Every structure is written in structure tokens, then in C-alpha cells.
Amino acid sequence: MKRPAPDFLLEQALDAAAGRAVCGVDEAGRGPWAGPVTAAAVILDPARIPEGLNDSKR
């Protein structure tokens, strides 16, 4: 089954309702049992998404 393409509908609705940015958070690593974890939080301007940006889980 093909997954739908991501969009900004939820983020746009939250921005319209609350006037706040939505921050995306991701982590890399296996947690404290298997070693270090690196985490990052990013807010991007939807009008200026960097070319080539992609979801690593695809």
C-alpha cells in the first residue's frame, strides 16, 4: 500500500489557530542500552524547504 505524500496541512492549521511554529524533532541511535543518542530539533520555513531534504525512513 502506497503511503500518502507528506504535506503541511496540520502545521498550517496549527499556525492559523495559535500563530505558533511547529518544531520537528528526530533522534538517531539506539538509546542508553546500546550507546549514545543524538537528537535535533528544527523549524523550517515551509516556503523555503531546502532542495533535496528527505525523510530518512523512506
PDB file of N, CA and C in Angstrom:
ATOM      1  N   MET A   1       0.847  -1.177   0.000  1.00  0.00           N
ATOM      2  CA  MET A   1       0.000   0.000   0.000  1.00  0.00           C
ATOM      3  C   MET A   1       0.896   1.245   0.000  1.00  0.00           C
ATOM      4  N   LYS A   2       0.624   2.141  -0.913  1.00  0.00           N
ATOM      5  CA  LYS A   2       1.429   3.357  -1.025  1.00  0.00           C
ATOM      6  C   LYS A   2       1.012   4.374   0.036  1.00  0.00           C
ATOM      7  N   ARG A   3       2.016   4.944   0.706  1.00  0.00           N
ATOM      8  CA  ARG A   3       1.753   5.959   1.732  1.00  0.00           C
ATOM      9  C   ARG A   3       1.506   7.303   1.066  1.00  0.00           C
ATOM     10  N   PRO A   4       0.615   8.114   1.626  1.00  0.00           N
ATOM     11  CA  PRO A   4       0.386   9.444   1.042  1.00  0.00           C
ATOM     12  C   PRO A   4       1.622  10.329   1.196  1.00  0.00           C
ATOM     13  N   ALA A   5       1.792  11.230   0.249  1.00  0.00           N
ATOM     14  CA  ALA A   5       2.916  12.171   0.314  1.00  0.00           C
ATOM     15  C   ALA A   5       2.714  13.111   1.497  1.00  0.00           C
ATOM     16  N   PRO A   6       3.782  13.451   2.203  1.00  0.00           N
ATOM     17  CA  PRO A   6       3.649  14.385   3.326  1.00  0.00           C
ATOM     18  C   PRO A   6       3.251  15.772   2.838  1.00  0.00           C
ATOM     19  N   ASP A   7       2.554  16.489   3.683  1.00  0.00           N
ATOM     20  CA  ASP A   7       2.181  17.865   3.363  1.00  0.00           C
ATOM     21  C   ASP A   7       2.244  18.695   4.647  1.00  0.00           C
ATOM     22  N   PHE A   8       1.863  19.927   4.562  1.00  0.00           N
ATOM     23  CA  PHE A   8       1.922  20.829   5.718  1.00  0.00           C
ATOM     24  C   PHE A   8       0.530  21.199   6.229  1.00  0.00           C
ATOM     25  N   LEU A   9      -0.491  20.386   5.944  1.00  0.00           N
ATOM     26  CA  LEU A   9      -1.856  20.740   6.335  1.00  0.00           C
ATOM     27  C   LEU A   9      -2.012  20.884   7.852  1.00  0.00           C
ATOM     28  N   LEU A  10      -1.490  19.952   8.620  1.00  0.00           N
ATOM     29  CA  LEU A  10      -1.601  20.029  10.080  1.00  0.00           C
ATOM     30  C   LEU A  10      -0.843  21.237  10.615  1.00  0.00           C
ATOM     31  N   GLU A  11       0.373  21.434  10.129  1.00  0.00           N
ATOM     32  CA  GLU A  11       1.182  22.565  10.579  1.00  0.00           C
ATOM     33  C   GLU A  11       0.512  23.895  10.242  1.00  0.00           C
ATOM     34  N   GLN A  12      -0.075  23.988   9.051  1.00  0.00           N
ATOM     35  CA  GLN A  12      -0.763  25.220   8.650  1.00  0.00           C
ATOM     36  C   GLN A  12      -1.983  25.473   9.527  1.00  0.00           C
ATOM     37  N   ALA A  13      -2.720  24.422   9.870  1.00  0.00           N
ATOM     38  CA  ALA A  13      -3.885  24.573  10.741  1.00  0.00           C
ATOM     39  C   ALA A  13      -3.467  25.027  12.135  1.00  0.00           C
ATOM     40  N   LEU A  14      -2.398  24.450  12.674  1.00  0.00           N
ATOM     41  CA  LEU A  14      -1.915  24.860  13.993  1.00  0.00           C
ATOM     42  C   LEU A  14      -1.424  26.305  13.978  1.00  0.00           C
ATOM     43  N   ASP A  15      -0.735  26.696  12.916  1.00  0.00           N
ATOM     44  CA  ASP A  15      -0.251  28.069  12.791  1.00  0.00           C
ATOM     45  C   ASP A  15      -1.424  29.040  12.715  1.00  0.00           C
ATOM     46  N   ALA A  16      -2.457  28.689  11.949  1.00  0.00           N
ATOM     47  CA  ALA A  16      -3.625  29.556  11.815  1.00  0.00           C
ATOM     48  C   ALA A  16      -4.379  29.679  13.140  1.00  0.00           C
ATOM     49  N   ALA A  17      -4.454  28.584  13.896  1.00  0.00           N
ATOM     50  CA  ALA A  17      -5.203  28.586  15.152  1.00  0.00           C
ATOM     51  C   ALA A  17      -4.444  29.257  16.288  1.00  0.00           C
ATOM     52  N   ALA A  18      -3.138  29.048  16.353  1.00  0.00           N
ATOM     53  CA  ALA A  18      -2.369  29.522  17.505  1.00  0.00           C
ATOM     54  C   ALA A  18      -1.285  30.525  17.148  1.00  0.00           C
ATOM     55  N   GLY A  19      -0.974  30.648  15.861  1.00  0.00           N
ATOM     56  CA  GLY A  19       0.068  31.579  15.449  1.00  0.00           C
ATOM     57  C   GLY A  19       1.448  31.192  15.929  1.00  0.00           C
ATOM     58  N   ARG A  20       1.696  29.897  16.032  1.00  0.00           N
ATOM     59  CA  ARG A  20       2.987  29.419  16.527  1.00  0.00           C
ATOM     60  C   ARG A  20       3.617  28.455  15.531  1.00  0.00           C
ATOM     61  N   ALA A  21       4.924  28.382  15.573  1.00  0.00           N
ATOM     62  CA  ALA A  21       5.654  27.455  14.710  1.00  0.00           C
ATOM     63  C   ALA A  21       5.574  26.041  15.278  1.00  0.00           C
ATOM     64  N   VAL A  22       5.703  25.064  14.411  1.00  0.00           N
ATOM     65  CA  VAL A  22       5.758  23.664  14.808  1.00  0.00           C
ATOM     66  C   VAL A  22       7.196  23.204  14.643  1.00  0.00           C
ATOM     67  N   CYS A  23       7.727  22.578  15.673  1.00  0.00           N
ATOM     68  CA  CYS A  23       9.120  22.127  15.655  1.00  0.00           C
ATOM     69  C   CYS A  23       9.160  20.616  15.429  1.00  0.00           C
ATOM     70  N   GLY A  24       9.940  20.193  14.441  1.00  0.00           N
ATOM     71  CA  GLY A  24      10.131  18.770  14.193  1.00  0.00           C
ATOM     72  C   GLY A  24      11.332  18.263  14.973  1.00  0.00           C
ATOM     73  N   VAL A  25      11.187  17.113  15.613  1.00  0.00           N
ATOM     74  CA  VAL A  25      12.265  16.547  16.430  1.00  0.00           C
ATOM     75  C   VAL A  25      12.557  15.130  15.936  1.00  0.00           C
ATOM     76  N   ASP A  26      13.836  14.784  15.884  1.00  0.00           N
ATOM     77  CA  ASP A  26      14.230  13.433  15.487  1.00  0.00           C
ATOM     78  C   ASP A  26      15.437  13.015  16.311  1.00  0.00           C
ATOM     79  N   GLU A  27      15.656  11.724  16.372  1.00  0.00           N
ATOM     80  CA  GLU A  27      16.808  11.200  17.098  1.00  0.00           C
ATOM     81  C   GLU A  27      17.478  10.131  16.256  1.00  0.00           C
ATOM     82  N   ALA A  28      18.732   9.900  16.555  1.00  0.00           N
ATOM     83  CA  ALA A  28      19.490   8.839  15.897  1.00  0.00           C
ATOM     84  C   ALA A  28      20.260   8.088  16.967  1.00  0.00           C
ATOM     85  N   GLY A  29      20.190   6.788  16.939  1.00  0.00           N
ATOM     86  CA  GLY A  29      20.868   5.982  17.945  1.00  0.00           C
ATOM     87  C   GLY A  29      19.929   4.937  18.501  1.00  0.00           C
ATOM     88  N   ARG A  30      20.430   4.134  19.390  1.00  0.00           N
ATOM     89  CA  ARG A  30      19.641   3.037  19.943  1.00  0.00           C
ATOM     90  C   ARG A  30      19.280   3.249  21.405  1.00  0.00           C
ATOM     91  N   GLY A  31      19.618   4.361  21.957  1.00  0.00           N
ATOM     92  CA  GLY A  31      19.258   4.615  23.337  1.00  0.00           C
ATOM     93  C   GLY A  31      20.359   4.252  24.310  1.00  0.00           C
ATOM     94  N   PRO A  32      20.113   4.454  25.605  1.00  0.00           N
ATOM     95  CA  PRO A  32      21.150   4.279  26.615  1.00  0.00           C
ATOM     96  C   PRO A  32      21.636   2.837  26.755  1.00  0.00           C
ATOM     97  N   TRP A  33      20.899   1.860  26.276  1.00  0.00           N
ATOM     98  CA  TRP A  33      21.321   0.467  26.413  1.00  0.00           C
ATOM     99  C   TRP A  33      22.415   0.102  25.420  1.00  0.00           C
ATOM    100  N   ALA A  34      22.461   0.795  24.278  1.00  0.00           N
ATOM    101  CA  ALA A  34      23.393   0.388  23.226  1.00  0.00           C
ATOM    102  C   ALA A  34      24.344   1.497  22.804  1.00  0.00           C
ATOM    103  N   GLY A  35      24.371   2.594  23.514  1.00  0.00           N
ATOM    104  CA  GLY A  35      25.301   3.658  23.144  1.00  0.00           C
ATOM    105  C   GLY A  35      24.642   5.019  23.105  1.00  0.00           C
ATOM    106  N   PRO A  36      25.373   6.010  22.619  1.00  0.00           N
ATOM    107  CA  PRO A  36      24.888   7.390  22.641  1.00  0.00           C
ATOM    108  C   PRO A  36      23.734   7.639  21.669  1.00  0.00           C
ATOM    109  N   VAL A  37      22.962   8.651  21.980  1.00  0.00           N
ATOM    110  CA  VAL A  37      21.857   9.094  21.134  1.00  0.00           C
ATOM    111  C   VAL A  37      22.105  10.551  20.778  1.00  0.00           C
ATOM    112  N   THR A  38      21.853  10.898  19.541  1.00  0.00           N
ATOM    113  CA  THR A  38      21.935  12.286  19.098  1.00  0.00           C
ATOM    114  C   THR A  38      20.537  12.737  18.721  1.00  0.00           C
ATOM    115  N   ALA A  39      20.112  13.886  19.220  1.00  0.00           N
ATOM    116  CA  ALA A  39      18.782  14.414  18.912  1.00  0.00           C
ATOM    117  C   ALA A  39      18.916  15.809  18.325  1.00  0.00           C
ATOM    118  N   ALA A  40      17.937  16.176  17.503  1.00  0.00           N
ATOM    119  CA  ALA A  40      17.927  17.508  16.892  1.00  0.00           C
ATOM    120  C   ALA A  40      16.496  18.002  16.798  1.00  0.00           C
ATOM    121  N   ALA A  41      16.321  19.306  16.887  1.00  0.00           N
ATOM    122  CA  ALA A  41      15.021  19.950  16.714  1.00  0.00           C
ATOM    123  C   ALA A  41      15.199  21.070  15.696  1.00  0.00           C
ATOM    124  N   VAL A  42      14.284  21.128  14.721  1.00  0.00           N
ATOM    125  CA  VAL A  42      14.426  22.075  13.616  1.00  0.00           C
ATOM    126  C   VAL A  42      13.084  22.709  13.288  1.00  0.00           C
ATOM    127  N   ILE A  43      13.111  24.009  13.016  1.00  0.00           N
ATOM    128  CA  ILE A  43      11.944  24.716  12.492  1.00  0.00           C
ATOM    129  C   ILE A  43      12.339  25.264  11.131  1.00  0.00           C
ATOM    130  N   LEU A  44      11.614  24.852  10.088  1.00  0.00           N
ATOM    131  CA  LEU A  44      11.878  25.316   8.731  1.00  0.00           C
ATOM    132  C   LEU A  44      10.741  26.202   8.249  1.00  0.00           C
ATOM    133  N   ASP A  45      11.071  27.164   7.416  1.00  0.00           N
ATOM    134  CA  ASP A  45      10.067  27.989   6.746  1.00  0.00           C
ATOM    135  C   ASP A  45       9.481  27.147   5.616  1.00  0.00           C
ATOM    136  N   PRO A  46       8.177  26.817   5.649  1.00  0.00           N
ATOM    137  CA  PRO A  46       7.591  25.977   4.605  1.00  0.00           C
ATOM    138  C   PRO A  46       7.777  26.540   3.191  1.00  0.00           C
ATOM    139  N   ALA A  47       7.958  27.829   3.082  1.00  0.00           N
ATOM    140  CA  ALA A  47       8.161  28.445   1.767  1.00  0.00           C
ATOM    141  C   ALA A  47       9.603  28.295   1.289  1.00  0.00           C
ATOM    142  N   ARG A  48      10.499  27.843   2.161  1.00  0.00           N
ATOM    143  CA  ARG A  48      11.923  27.752   1.800  1.00  0.00           C
ATOM    144  C   ARG A  48      12.532  26.416   2.237  1.00  0.00           C
ATOM    145  N   ILE A  49      11.854  25.314   1.950  1.00  0.00           N
ATOM    146  CA  ILE A  49      12.377  23.991   2.283  1.00  0.00           C
ATOM    147  C   ILE A  49      13.603  23.722   1.405  1.00  0.00           C
ATOM    148  N   PRO A  50      14.730  23.334   1.991  1.00  0.00           N
ATOM    149  CA  PRO A  50      15.936  23.080   1.195  1.00  0.00           C
ATOM    150  C   PRO A  50      15.713  21.971   0.162  1.00  0.00           C
ATOM    151  N   GLU A  51      16.194  22.198  -1.047  1.00  0.00           N
ATOM    152  CA  GLU A  51      16.079  21.203  -2.106  1.00  0.00           C
ATOM    153  C   GLU A  51      16.820  19.932  -1.687  1.00  0.00           C
ATOM    154  N   GLY A  52      16.195  18.791  -1.919  1.00  0.00           N
ATOM    155  CA  GLY A  52      16.820  17.518  -1.592  1.00  0.00           C
ATOM    156  C   GLY A  52      16.539  17.025  -0.182  1.00  0.00           C
ATOM    157  N   LEU A  53      15.877  17.827   0.653  1.00  0.00           N
ATOM    158  CA  LEU A  53      15.539  17.391   2.008  1.00  0.00           C
ATOM    159  C   LEU A  53      14.583  16.211   1.915  1.00  0.00           C
ATOM    160  N   ASN A  54      14.846  15.155   2.686  1.00  0.00           N
ATOM    161  CA  ASN A  54      14.062  13.941   2.564  1.00  0.00           C
ATOM    162  C   ASN A  54      13.949  13.256   3.920  1.00  0.00           C
ATOM    163  N   ASP A  55      12.965  12.388   4.049  1.00  0.00           N
ATOM    164  CA  ASP A  55      12.763  11.591   5.250  1.00  0.00           C
ATOM    165  C   ASP A  55      13.669  10.363   5.184  1.00  0.00           C
ATOM    166  N   SER A  56      14.506  10.168   6.170  1.00  0.00           N
ATOM    167  CA  SER A  56      15.453   9.049   6.159  1.00  0.00           C
ATOM    168  C   SER A  56      14.771   7.693   6.301  1.00  0.00           C
ATOM    169  N   LYS A  57      13.515   7.651   6.715  1.00  0.00           N
ATOM    170  CA  LYS A  57      12.821   6.378   6.937  1.00  0.00           C
ATOM    171  C   LYS A  57      12.159   5.833   5.673  1.00  0.00           C
ATOM    172  N   ARG A  58      12.248   6.537   4.566  1.00  0.00           N
ATOM    173  CA  ARG A  58      11.605   6.062   3.332  1.00  0.00           C
ATOM    174  C   ARG A  58      12.396   4.966   2.696  1.00  0.00           C
TER     175      ARG A  58
END
